[in-house]
Amino acid sequence: MDKQNGISRRDFLKTSAAAAVLVGAGPMLIGQGAHAAGSDVIRVGVIGCGGRGTGAANDCLAAGGDGIKIVALGDLFQDRLDGCLNNLTGKEELKGKVDIPKDRCFVGFDAYRKVINCGVDLVILASPPGFRPSHFKAAIEAGKHVFMEKPVAVDAPGVRTVMAAGELATQKGLGVVAGTQRRHQKSYIETINRIHDGAIGDITGGQCYWNQGGLWNHGRKPEWTDMEWQVRNWLYFTWLSGDHICEQHVHNIDVINWAIGKHPEKAVGMGGRQVRTDPAYGHIFDHFAIDFTYPGDVHVMSMCRQIDGCANNVSEHVVGSKGSSNCSNSITCDTPWKFDGDNPGAYQQEHKDLIDSIRAGSPLNEAQRIAESCLTAIMGRMSAYTGQEITWEQALNSKEDLMPTKLELGPLPVPPVAIPGRTPFV
């Protein structure tokens, strides 16, 4: 397939729907297989074959036992697909779990549709997050179960697409799990359950952090177009990653939403691009600090930073009327508690939970809650970029669509760096 083939955003969405009609005519796993018989092999396609997609494929195979098989791969770039293929086929322990002939390897902007349309039951969505809403929509319309990496959207139109597709997944009885693995980690689950049972009383405030050094960057090669350079360095472009408050810090924000049991009502914050200023790093910020206000005037301080040589902190913390908790494994109160049970790896557990739920005929659906956590992060970014207080309703109804109007490996100007007080809310 010619990876230079370009399509417009309108065509991108139209062809997603067309693929759904074609594939939807065939039998769905949920109606014919796994949950009823308990022994059928679930055929998995991987869409997005970089490091996270390859890792998720390995985790899925480890979690699913003999009843899982990777049968198709799709990516925008041939070298990324080849890397994933070599990883999966080169492991002795995966023999019998990987069946990926050349005619089920797809390259290009439309590779996701071809993976969906080749007889898979479940898809792993791990392309850069800007593509996630369209890929998710197409998969659900086609009747596929979905594991999708976070974040699941980078702007409000994407969030709305995910929410609508999530509702359709419920109607179709499809499983949807997101890559917020803390939700599947036993220590977190037991701690949050105790918080919900009143161990620290009413939550009155909290903090969450993802402060660390810088991440990878692929230096631009002379033969790369603007689009190829940006997609290969997707972390540094808001239309692809949502900025690191959305791409990375959403993990901690999701834990806070989980602990409080609600999403925030508004956000006011700040951020900037103080150290990572070279054009090689696109146009995103390198630090954010957001004050989220939850119902009941509960304030949570959210902070994230990607700057070398600074203090690191990746954590969550909530304070209640009777105590406090780190959300992950301990509670401080009149009767302190610390988790001391088995704590299996959450990266595999999230896949196991999805697969088990499908086989049991009661598929999990995490679409709404991950969409809300992503919108929380997006709302914080909107506030930092504009310098304004942003409400949940404003964020959800925003008309700012970050996706380029035409998806092709050609010219694509980099937007200017946001300037608080000058950058408008859209």
Protein backbone atom coordinates (compact mmCIF):
# COMPACT_ATOMS: atom_id res chain seq x y z
CA MET A 1 0.00 0.00 0.00
CA ASP A 2 1.22 3.47 -0.85
CA LYS A 3 1.77 5.27 2.44
CA GLN A 4 1.73 8.59 0.57
CA ASN A 5 -1.99 8.20 -0.04
CA GLY A 6 -3.64 11.24 1.58
CA ILE A 7 -7.24 11.62 2.71
CA SER A 8 -9.22 14.53 4.11
CA ARG A 9 -10.64 14.50 7.65
CA ARG A 10 -14.16 14.36 6.18
CA ASP A 11 -13.22 11.36 4.02
CA PHE A 12 -11.40 9.87 7.03
CA LEU A 13 -14.65 9.82 9.01
CA LYS A 14 -16.79 8.76 6.04
CA THR A 15 -14.54 5.81 5.25
CA SER A 16 -14.59 4.81 8.92
CA ALA A 17 -18.36 4.50 8.68
CA ALA A 18 -18.12 2.63 5.38
CA ALA A 19 -15.70 0.13 6.88
CA ALA A 20 -18.09 -0.34 9.76
CA VAL A 21 -20.92 -1.25 7.38
CA LEU A 22 -18.75 -3.80 5.58
CA VAL A 23 -17.42 -5.45 8.70
CA GLY A 24 -20.62 -5.14 10.69
CA ALA A 25 -22.32 -7.51 8.24
CA GLY A 26 -20.17 -10.37 9.53
CA PRO A 27 -20.57 -12.31 12.79
CA MET A 28 -19.36 -10.60 15.95
CA LEU A 29 -17.39 -12.40 18.61
CA ILE A 30 -19.75 -11.29 21.33
CA GLY A 31 -22.68 -12.98 19.61
CA GLN A 32 -20.97 -16.13 18.40
CA GLY A 33 -17.94 -16.95 20.43
CA ALA A 34 -15.93 -16.28 23.47
CA HIS A 35 -18.47 -15.51 26.18
CA ALA A 36 -20.80 -18.30 25.16
CA ALA A 37 -18.43 -21.18 24.51
CA GLY A 38 -15.56 -20.00 26.68
CA SER A 39 -13.00 -21.61 24.40
CA ASP A 40 -12.91 -19.64 21.16
CA VAL A 41 -9.71 -17.92 20.11
CA ILE A 42 -10.01 -14.13 20.15
CA ARG A 43 -8.33 -12.71 17.04
CA VAL A 44 -6.56 -9.43 17.77
CA GLY A 45 -5.43 -6.66 15.44
CA VAL A 46 -2.89 -4.02 16.48
CA ILE A 47 -3.35 -0.49 15.14
CA GLY A 48 -0.24 1.56 15.92
CA CYS A 49 2.92 -0.54 16.05
CA GLY A 50 5.34 1.68 17.98
CA GLY A 51 6.67 1.00 21.45
CA ARG A 52 3.32 1.17 23.23
CA GLY A 53 1.45 -0.84 20.61
CA THR A 54 4.13 -3.52 20.65
CA GLY A 55 4.12 -3.57 24.45
CA ALA A 56 0.32 -3.79 24.57
CA ALA A 57 0.36 -6.66 22.08
CA ASN A 58 2.80 -8.60 24.27
CA ASP A 59 0.76 -7.84 27.40
CA CYS A 60 -2.45 -8.95 25.67
CA LEU A 61 -0.90 -12.26 24.64
CA ALA A 62 0.50 -12.85 28.13
CA ALA A 63 -2.85 -12.08 29.73
CA GLY A 64 -5.06 -14.07 27.36
CA GLY A 65 -3.50 -17.50 27.64
CA ASP A 66 -4.00 -19.87 24.72
CA GLY A 67 -7.24 -18.17 23.70
CA ILE A 68 -5.63 -15.08 22.16
CA LYS A 69 -3.89 -14.66 18.83
CA ILE A 70 -2.43 -11.56 17.12
CA VAL A 71 -3.43 -11.80 13.46
CA ALA A 72 -3.05 -8.31 11.93
CA LEU A 73 -0.93 -5.17 12.19
CA GLY A 74 -1.43 -1.64 10.92
CA ASP A 75 0.72 1.49 11.09
CA LEU A 76 1.40 4.64 9.12
CA PHE A 77 5.05 3.62 8.66
CA GLN A 78 6.52 0.38 7.34
CA ASP A 79 9.54 0.43 9.66
CA ARG A 80 7.35 0.68 12.75
CA LEU A 81 5.20 -2.20 11.57
CA ASP A 82 8.29 -4.28 10.79
CA GLY A 83 9.68 -3.63 14.27
CA CYS A 84 6.49 -4.85 15.91
CA LEU A 85 6.27 -7.87 13.62
CA ASN A 86 9.86 -8.87 14.34
CA ASN A 87 9.29 -8.47 18.07
CA LEU A 88 6.21 -10.69 18.09
CA THR A 89 7.45 -13.38 15.71
CA GLY A 90 10.92 -13.55 17.21
CA LYS A 91 9.86 -14.87 20.61
CA GLU A 92 9.75 -18.60 21.16
CA GLU A 93 7.15 -18.27 23.92
CA LEU A 94 4.72 -16.57 21.49
CA LYS A 95 4.77 -19.29 18.84
CA GLY A 96 1.21 -20.39 18.19
CA LYS A 97 -0.10 -17.03 19.40
CA VAL A 98 1.05 -14.97 16.41
CA ASP A 99 -0.27 -15.48 12.88
CA ILE A 100 0.47 -12.38 10.82
CA PRO A 101 0.93 -13.05 7.09
CA LYS A 102 1.94 -10.24 4.76
CA ASP A 103 -1.61 -9.80 3.52
CA ARG A 104 -2.66 -8.82 7.05
CA CYS A 105 0.03 -6.15 7.42
CA PHE A 106 -1.22 -2.72 6.42
CA VAL A 107 0.58 0.61 6.02
CA GLY A 108 -0.87 4.09 5.52
CA PHE A 109 -3.40 6.48 6.99
CA ASP A 110 -6.15 3.97 6.16
CA ALA A 111 -4.35 0.97 7.70
CA TYR A 112 -6.70 1.04 10.70
CA ARG A 113 -9.70 0.33 8.46
CA LYS A 114 -7.95 -2.60 6.82
CA VAL A 115 -7.07 -4.12 10.19
CA ILE A 116 -10.68 -3.74 11.32
CA ASN A 117 -11.87 -5.28 8.07
CA CYS A 118 -9.74 -8.45 8.11
CA GLY A 119 -11.63 -10.69 10.48
CA VAL A 120 -10.41 -9.55 13.89
CA ASP A 121 -12.53 -9.67 17.04
CA LEU A 122 -10.61 -7.18 19.18
CA VAL A 123 -8.37 -4.26 18.27
CA ILE A 124 -5.57 -2.61 20.21
CA LEU A 125 -5.55 1.12 19.44
CA ALA A 126 -2.07 2.55 20.03
CA SER A 127 -1.52 5.11 17.28
CA PRO A 128 -0.70 8.67 18.34
CA PRO A 129 -3.70 9.84 20.39
CA GLY A 130 -4.92 12.43 17.89
CA PHE A 131 -6.12 9.53 15.73
CA ARG A 132 -7.78 7.66 18.61
CA PRO A 133 -11.36 9.00 18.33
CA SER A 134 -11.74 8.13 14.64
CA HIS A 135 -10.14 4.73 15.10
CA PHE A 136 -12.33 3.98 18.13
CA LYS A 137 -15.48 5.09 16.34
CA ALA A 138 -14.72 2.86 13.36
CA ALA A 139 -13.93 -0.15 15.56
CA ILE A 140 -17.14 0.13 17.58
CA GLU A 141 -19.30 0.68 14.50
CA ALA A 142 -17.73 -2.48 13.07
CA GLY A 143 -18.62 -4.48 16.18
CA LYS A 144 -15.10 -4.91 17.58
CA HIS A 145 -13.99 -5.07 21.19
CA VAL A 146 -11.37 -2.42 21.96
CA PHE A 147 -8.34 -1.92 24.12
CA MET A 148 -7.20 1.67 23.61
CA GLU A 149 -4.22 3.44 25.03
CA LYS A 150 -4.63 6.71 26.83
CA PRO A 151 -5.25 9.49 26.11
CA VAL A 152 -8.27 8.72 23.97
CA ALA A 153 -8.69 12.28 22.67
CA VAL A 154 -6.74 15.52 22.44
CA ASP A 155 -9.61 17.98 21.91
CA ALA A 156 -13.29 18.36 22.75
CA PRO A 157 -14.62 17.10 19.38
CA GLY A 158 -12.56 13.96 19.94
CA VAL A 159 -13.92 13.55 23.47
CA ARG A 160 -17.47 13.86 22.18
CA THR A 161 -16.75 11.24 19.51
CA VAL A 162 -15.40 8.83 22.13
CA MET A 163 -18.38 9.39 24.42
CA ALA A 164 -20.84 8.70 21.59
CA ALA A 165 -18.95 5.61 20.43
CA GLY A 166 -18.80 4.42 24.03
CA GLU A 167 -22.58 4.61 24.25
CA LEU A 168 -22.83 2.61 21.01
CA ALA A 169 -20.46 0.02 22.49
CA THR A 170 -22.87 -0.44 25.40
CA GLN A 171 -25.76 -0.94 23.00
CA LYS A 172 -23.77 -3.53 21.05
CA GLY A 173 -22.43 -5.32 24.09
CA LEU A 174 -18.80 -4.59 23.23
CA GLY A 175 -15.86 -4.47 25.62
CA VAL A 176 -13.83 -1.27 25.96
CA VAL A 177 -10.83 -0.91 28.27
CA ALA A 178 -8.44 2.04 28.36
CA GLY A 179 -4.74 2.01 29.19
CA THR A 180 -5.15 3.66 32.58
CA GLN A 181 -3.62 0.66 34.29
CA ARG A 182 -3.93 2.04 37.82
CA ARG A 183 -7.66 1.26 37.55
CA HIS A 184 -6.69 -2.43 37.30
CA GLN A 185 -3.95 -2.50 39.96
CA LYS A 186 -5.06 -4.29 43.13
CA SER A 187 -3.34 -1.89 45.54
CA TYR A 188 -5.05 1.11 43.95
CA ILE A 189 -8.41 -0.66 43.77
CA GLU A 190 -8.43 -1.61 47.45
CA THR A 191 -7.21 1.82 48.54
CA ILE A 192 -9.82 3.69 46.49
CA ASN A 193 -12.55 1.31 47.67
CA ARG A 194 -11.65 2.13 51.28
CA ILE A 195 -11.73 5.84 50.48
CA HIS A 196 -15.19 5.40 48.96
CA ASP A 197 -16.25 3.48 52.06
CA GLY A 198 -15.41 6.54 54.18
CA ALA A 199 -11.96 5.68 55.59
CA ILE A 200 -10.81 9.31 55.33
CA GLY A 201 -14.22 10.94 55.58
CA ASP A 202 -15.37 13.50 53.03
CA ILE A 203 -12.62 14.47 50.59
CA THR A 204 -11.71 18.12 51.06
CA GLY A 205 -8.74 18.48 48.69
CA GLY A 206 -5.84 16.80 46.96
CA GLN A 207 -2.77 16.93 44.77
CA CYS A 208 -1.49 14.98 41.79
CA TYR A 209 1.87 15.13 40.05
CA TRP A 210 3.84 13.84 37.09
CA ASN A 211 7.14 15.69 37.31
CA GLN A 212 10.09 14.12 35.50
CA GLY A 213 12.88 14.81 33.04
CA GLY A 214 12.66 15.05 29.28
CA LEU A 215 11.60 12.27 26.93
CA TRP A 216 12.86 10.89 23.62
CA ASN A 217 13.14 12.92 20.45
CA HIS A 218 13.80 11.62 16.93
CA GLY A 219 15.95 14.11 15.06
CA ARG A 220 14.43 15.14 11.76
CA LYS A 221 15.77 13.38 8.67
CA PRO A 222 16.12 15.36 5.43
CA GLU A 223 13.70 13.10 3.55
CA TRP A 224 10.88 13.48 6.08
CA THR A 225 7.93 15.69 5.22
CA ASP A 226 6.42 17.96 7.86
CA MET A 227 3.71 15.40 8.53
CA GLU A 228 6.12 12.48 8.88
CA TRP A 229 8.39 14.46 11.21
CA GLN A 230 5.46 15.44 13.41
CA VAL A 231 3.92 11.97 13.59
CA ARG A 232 7.28 10.36 14.36
CA ASN A 233 7.77 12.97 17.12
CA TRP A 234 4.12 13.01 18.12
CA LEU A 235 4.76 13.84 21.78
CA TYR A 236 5.64 17.43 20.88
CA PHE A 237 2.55 18.42 18.85
CA THR A 238 -0.75 19.12 20.55
CA TRP A 239 -2.86 17.75 17.70
CA LEU A 240 -1.17 14.37 18.19
CA SER A 241 -0.51 14.11 21.94
CA GLY A 242 -2.70 16.73 23.61
CA ASP A 243 0.49 18.05 25.29
CA HIS A 244 2.03 16.14 28.17
CA ILE A 245 -0.68 17.16 30.64
CA CYS A 246 -3.01 15.04 28.52
CA GLU A 247 -0.63 12.40 27.18
CA GLN A 248 1.07 11.53 30.48
CA HIS A 249 -0.41 13.35 33.45
CA VAL A 250 -3.87 12.02 32.59
CA HIS A 251 -2.92 8.91 34.61
CA ASN A 252 -2.77 10.92 37.84
CA ILE A 253 -5.78 13.07 36.95
CA ASP A 254 -7.76 9.88 36.32
CA VAL A 255 -6.90 8.61 39.81
CA ILE A 256 -8.15 11.85 41.37
CA ASN A 257 -11.42 11.69 39.41
CA TRP A 258 -11.76 8.06 40.53
CA ALA A 259 -11.10 8.86 44.19
CA ILE A 260 -13.49 11.82 44.28
CA GLY A 261 -16.05 10.03 42.13
CA LYS A 262 -16.70 13.06 39.95
CA HIS A 263 -15.05 15.23 37.33
CA PRO A 264 -14.09 18.83 38.15
CA GLU A 265 -16.38 21.76 37.46
CA LYS A 266 -13.68 24.19 36.34
CA ALA A 267 -9.96 24.79 36.06
CA VAL A 268 -7.59 27.72 36.25
CA GLY A 269 -3.92 27.25 35.67
CA MET A 270 -0.65 28.25 34.17
CA GLY A 271 2.19 26.73 32.23
CA GLY A 272 4.89 27.49 29.74
CA ARG A 273 7.84 26.47 27.62
CA GLN A 274 10.84 27.56 29.61
CA VAL A 275 13.61 25.02 28.90
CA ARG A 276 12.50 22.83 26.02
CA THR A 277 12.39 25.71 23.53
CA ASP A 278 14.14 24.25 20.47
CA PRO A 279 11.86 23.80 17.40
CA ALA A 280 12.78 20.10 17.54
CA TYR A 281 10.32 19.92 20.46
CA GLY A 282 7.38 21.21 18.47
CA HIS A 283 5.19 23.74 20.24
CA ILE A 284 4.05 22.10 23.49
CA PHE A 285 4.73 23.35 27.02
CA ASP A 286 7.27 21.79 29.37
CA HIS A 287 5.37 22.54 32.61
CA PHE A 288 1.82 23.02 33.89
CA ALA A 289 0.20 23.83 37.24
CA ILE A 290 -3.60 23.66 37.41
CA ASP A 291 -6.12 24.27 40.20
CA PHE A 292 -9.10 22.02 39.52
CA THR A 293 -12.32 22.75 41.42
CA TYR A 294 -14.54 19.73 42.07
CA PRO A 295 -18.16 19.80 43.31
CA GLY A 296 -18.43 21.03 46.87
CA ASP A 297 -15.59 23.54 46.36
CA VAL A 298 -12.98 20.77 46.61
CA HIS A 299 -9.68 21.99 45.16
CA VAL A 300 -7.01 19.71 43.69
CA MET A 301 -3.59 20.98 42.66
CA SER A 302 -2.34 19.29 39.49
CA MET A 303 1.30 19.70 38.46
CA CYS A 304 3.33 18.18 35.64
CA ARG A 305 6.78 18.96 34.29
CA GLN A 306 9.23 17.48 31.77
CA ILE A 307 12.50 19.26 32.54
CA ASP A 308 15.83 17.58 33.25
CA GLY A 309 17.63 18.23 36.54
CA CYS A 310 14.53 18.95 38.63
CA ALA A 311 12.81 17.12 41.47
CA ASN A 312 10.77 14.16 40.24
CA ASN A 313 7.38 13.20 41.62
CA VAL A 314 4.74 10.87 40.15
CA SER A 315 1.95 10.50 42.68
CA GLU A 316 -1.56 11.26 43.85
CA HIS A 317 -2.82 12.36 47.27
CA VAL A 318 -6.23 13.16 48.72
CA VAL A 319 -7.14 14.72 52.06
CA GLY A 320 -10.39 14.05 53.86
CA SER A 321 -12.21 15.18 56.98
CA LYS A 322 -10.88 12.14 58.88
CA GLY A 323 -7.54 11.39 57.27
CA SER A 324 -5.59 11.25 54.00
CA SER A 325 -4.35 8.75 51.43
CA ASN A 326 -1.77 8.37 48.68
CA CYS A 327 -4.51 6.58 46.69
CA SER A 328 -2.11 3.78 45.76
CA ASN A 329 -1.51 1.68 48.89
CA SER A 330 -1.97 3.48 52.22
CA ILE A 331 -4.36 5.47 54.36
CA THR A 332 -3.45 7.72 57.28
CA CYS A 333 -6.21 8.11 59.86
CA ASP A 334 -7.12 7.00 63.41
CA THR A 335 -6.74 3.40 62.22
CA PRO A 336 -3.92 3.58 59.64
CA TRP A 337 -3.90 0.98 56.86
CA LYS A 338 -1.36 -0.18 54.29
CA PHE A 339 -1.90 -2.61 51.42
CA ASP A 340 0.09 -5.83 51.84
CA GLY A 341 -1.54 -8.23 49.38
CA ASP A 342 -0.47 -9.62 46.02
CA ASN A 343 -0.16 -6.89 43.41
CA PRO A 344 0.09 -8.39 39.89
CA GLY A 345 1.45 -6.27 37.07
CA ALA A 346 -1.28 -3.88 35.96
CA TYR A 347 -0.13 -3.69 32.32
CA GLN A 348 -1.18 -7.31 31.84
CA GLN A 349 -4.06 -7.16 34.31
CA GLU A 350 -5.93 -4.55 32.28
CA HIS A 351 -5.91 -6.89 29.27
CA LYS A 352 -6.89 -9.88 31.41
CA ASP A 353 -9.82 -7.96 32.85
CA LEU A 354 -11.04 -7.05 29.35
CA ILE A 355 -10.64 -10.60 27.98
CA ASP A 356 -12.24 -12.20 31.04
CA SER A 357 -15.20 -9.82 30.82
CA ILE A 358 -15.73 -10.63 27.14
CA ARG A 359 -15.61 -14.36 27.79
CA ALA A 360 -18.02 -13.98 30.71
CA GLY A 361 -20.53 -12.17 28.50
CA SER A 362 -20.37 -8.99 30.63
CA PRO A 363 -17.85 -6.83 28.77
CA LEU A 364 -16.31 -3.89 30.59
CA ASN A 365 -16.86 -0.44 29.09
CA GLU A 366 -14.54 2.29 30.35
CA ALA A 367 -15.16 4.76 27.52
CA GLN A 368 -17.11 7.37 29.47
CA ARG A 369 -14.75 7.58 32.42
CA ILE A 370 -11.55 7.79 30.34
CA ALA A 371 -13.21 10.39 28.12
CA GLU A 372 -13.99 12.45 31.24
CA SER A 373 -10.43 12.13 32.53
CA CYS A 374 -9.05 13.20 29.16
CA LEU A 375 -11.40 16.18 29.07
CA THR A 376 -10.24 17.11 32.58
CA ALA A 377 -6.67 17.26 31.28
CA ILE A 378 -7.74 19.12 28.15
CA MET A 379 -9.62 21.65 30.28
CA GLY A 380 -6.43 22.24 32.29
CA ARG A 381 -4.44 22.69 29.09
CA MET A 382 -7.02 25.13 27.73
CA SER A 383 -6.72 27.22 30.88
CA ALA A 384 -2.92 27.23 30.79
CA TYR A 385 -2.76 28.03 27.08
CA THR A 386 -5.29 30.88 27.29
CA GLY A 387 -4.71 32.13 30.85
CA GLN A 388 -8.45 31.97 31.50
CA GLU A 389 -10.66 30.04 33.90
CA ILE A 390 -12.38 27.31 31.90
CA THR A 391 -15.55 25.52 33.01
CA TRP A 392 -16.42 21.91 32.26
CA GLU A 393 -19.28 23.02 29.99
CA GLN A 394 -16.98 25.33 28.04
CA ALA A 395 -14.39 22.58 27.61
CA LEU A 396 -16.89 19.93 26.58
CA ASN A 397 -18.57 22.21 24.03
CA SER A 398 -15.35 23.69 22.63
CA LYS A 399 -15.23 23.88 18.84
CA GLU A 400 -11.43 23.68 18.69
CA ASP A 401 -10.65 20.80 16.32
CA LEU A 402 -6.90 20.16 16.31
CA MET A 403 -6.84 17.56 13.50
CA PRO A 404 -5.27 18.85 10.24
CA THR A 405 -7.80 19.35 7.47
CA LYS A 406 -5.96 16.92 5.21
CA LEU A 407 -4.09 13.81 6.27
CA GLU A 408 -1.20 13.29 3.88
CA LEU A 409 2.57 13.02 4.12
CA GLY A 410 3.21 16.56 2.96
CA PRO A 411 3.60 20.11 4.28
CA LEU A 412 2.12 20.89 7.70
CA PRO A 413 3.02 24.13 9.47
CA VAL A 414 3.65 23.99 13.22
CA PRO A 415 1.18 26.13 15.19
CA PRO A 416 2.67 28.94 17.30
CA VAL A 417 3.44 28.31 20.95
CA ALA A 418 0.45 29.34 23.07
CA ILE A 419 0.77 32.65 24.92
CA PRO A 420 -1.49 33.03 28.00
CA GLY A 421 -3.57 36.18 27.78
CA ARG A 422 -3.28 36.22 23.98
CA THR A 423 -4.19 32.73 22.83
CA PRO A 424 -7.99 32.68 22.52
CA PHE A 425 -10.36 30.02 23.79
CA VAL A 426 -12.17 28.43 20.87
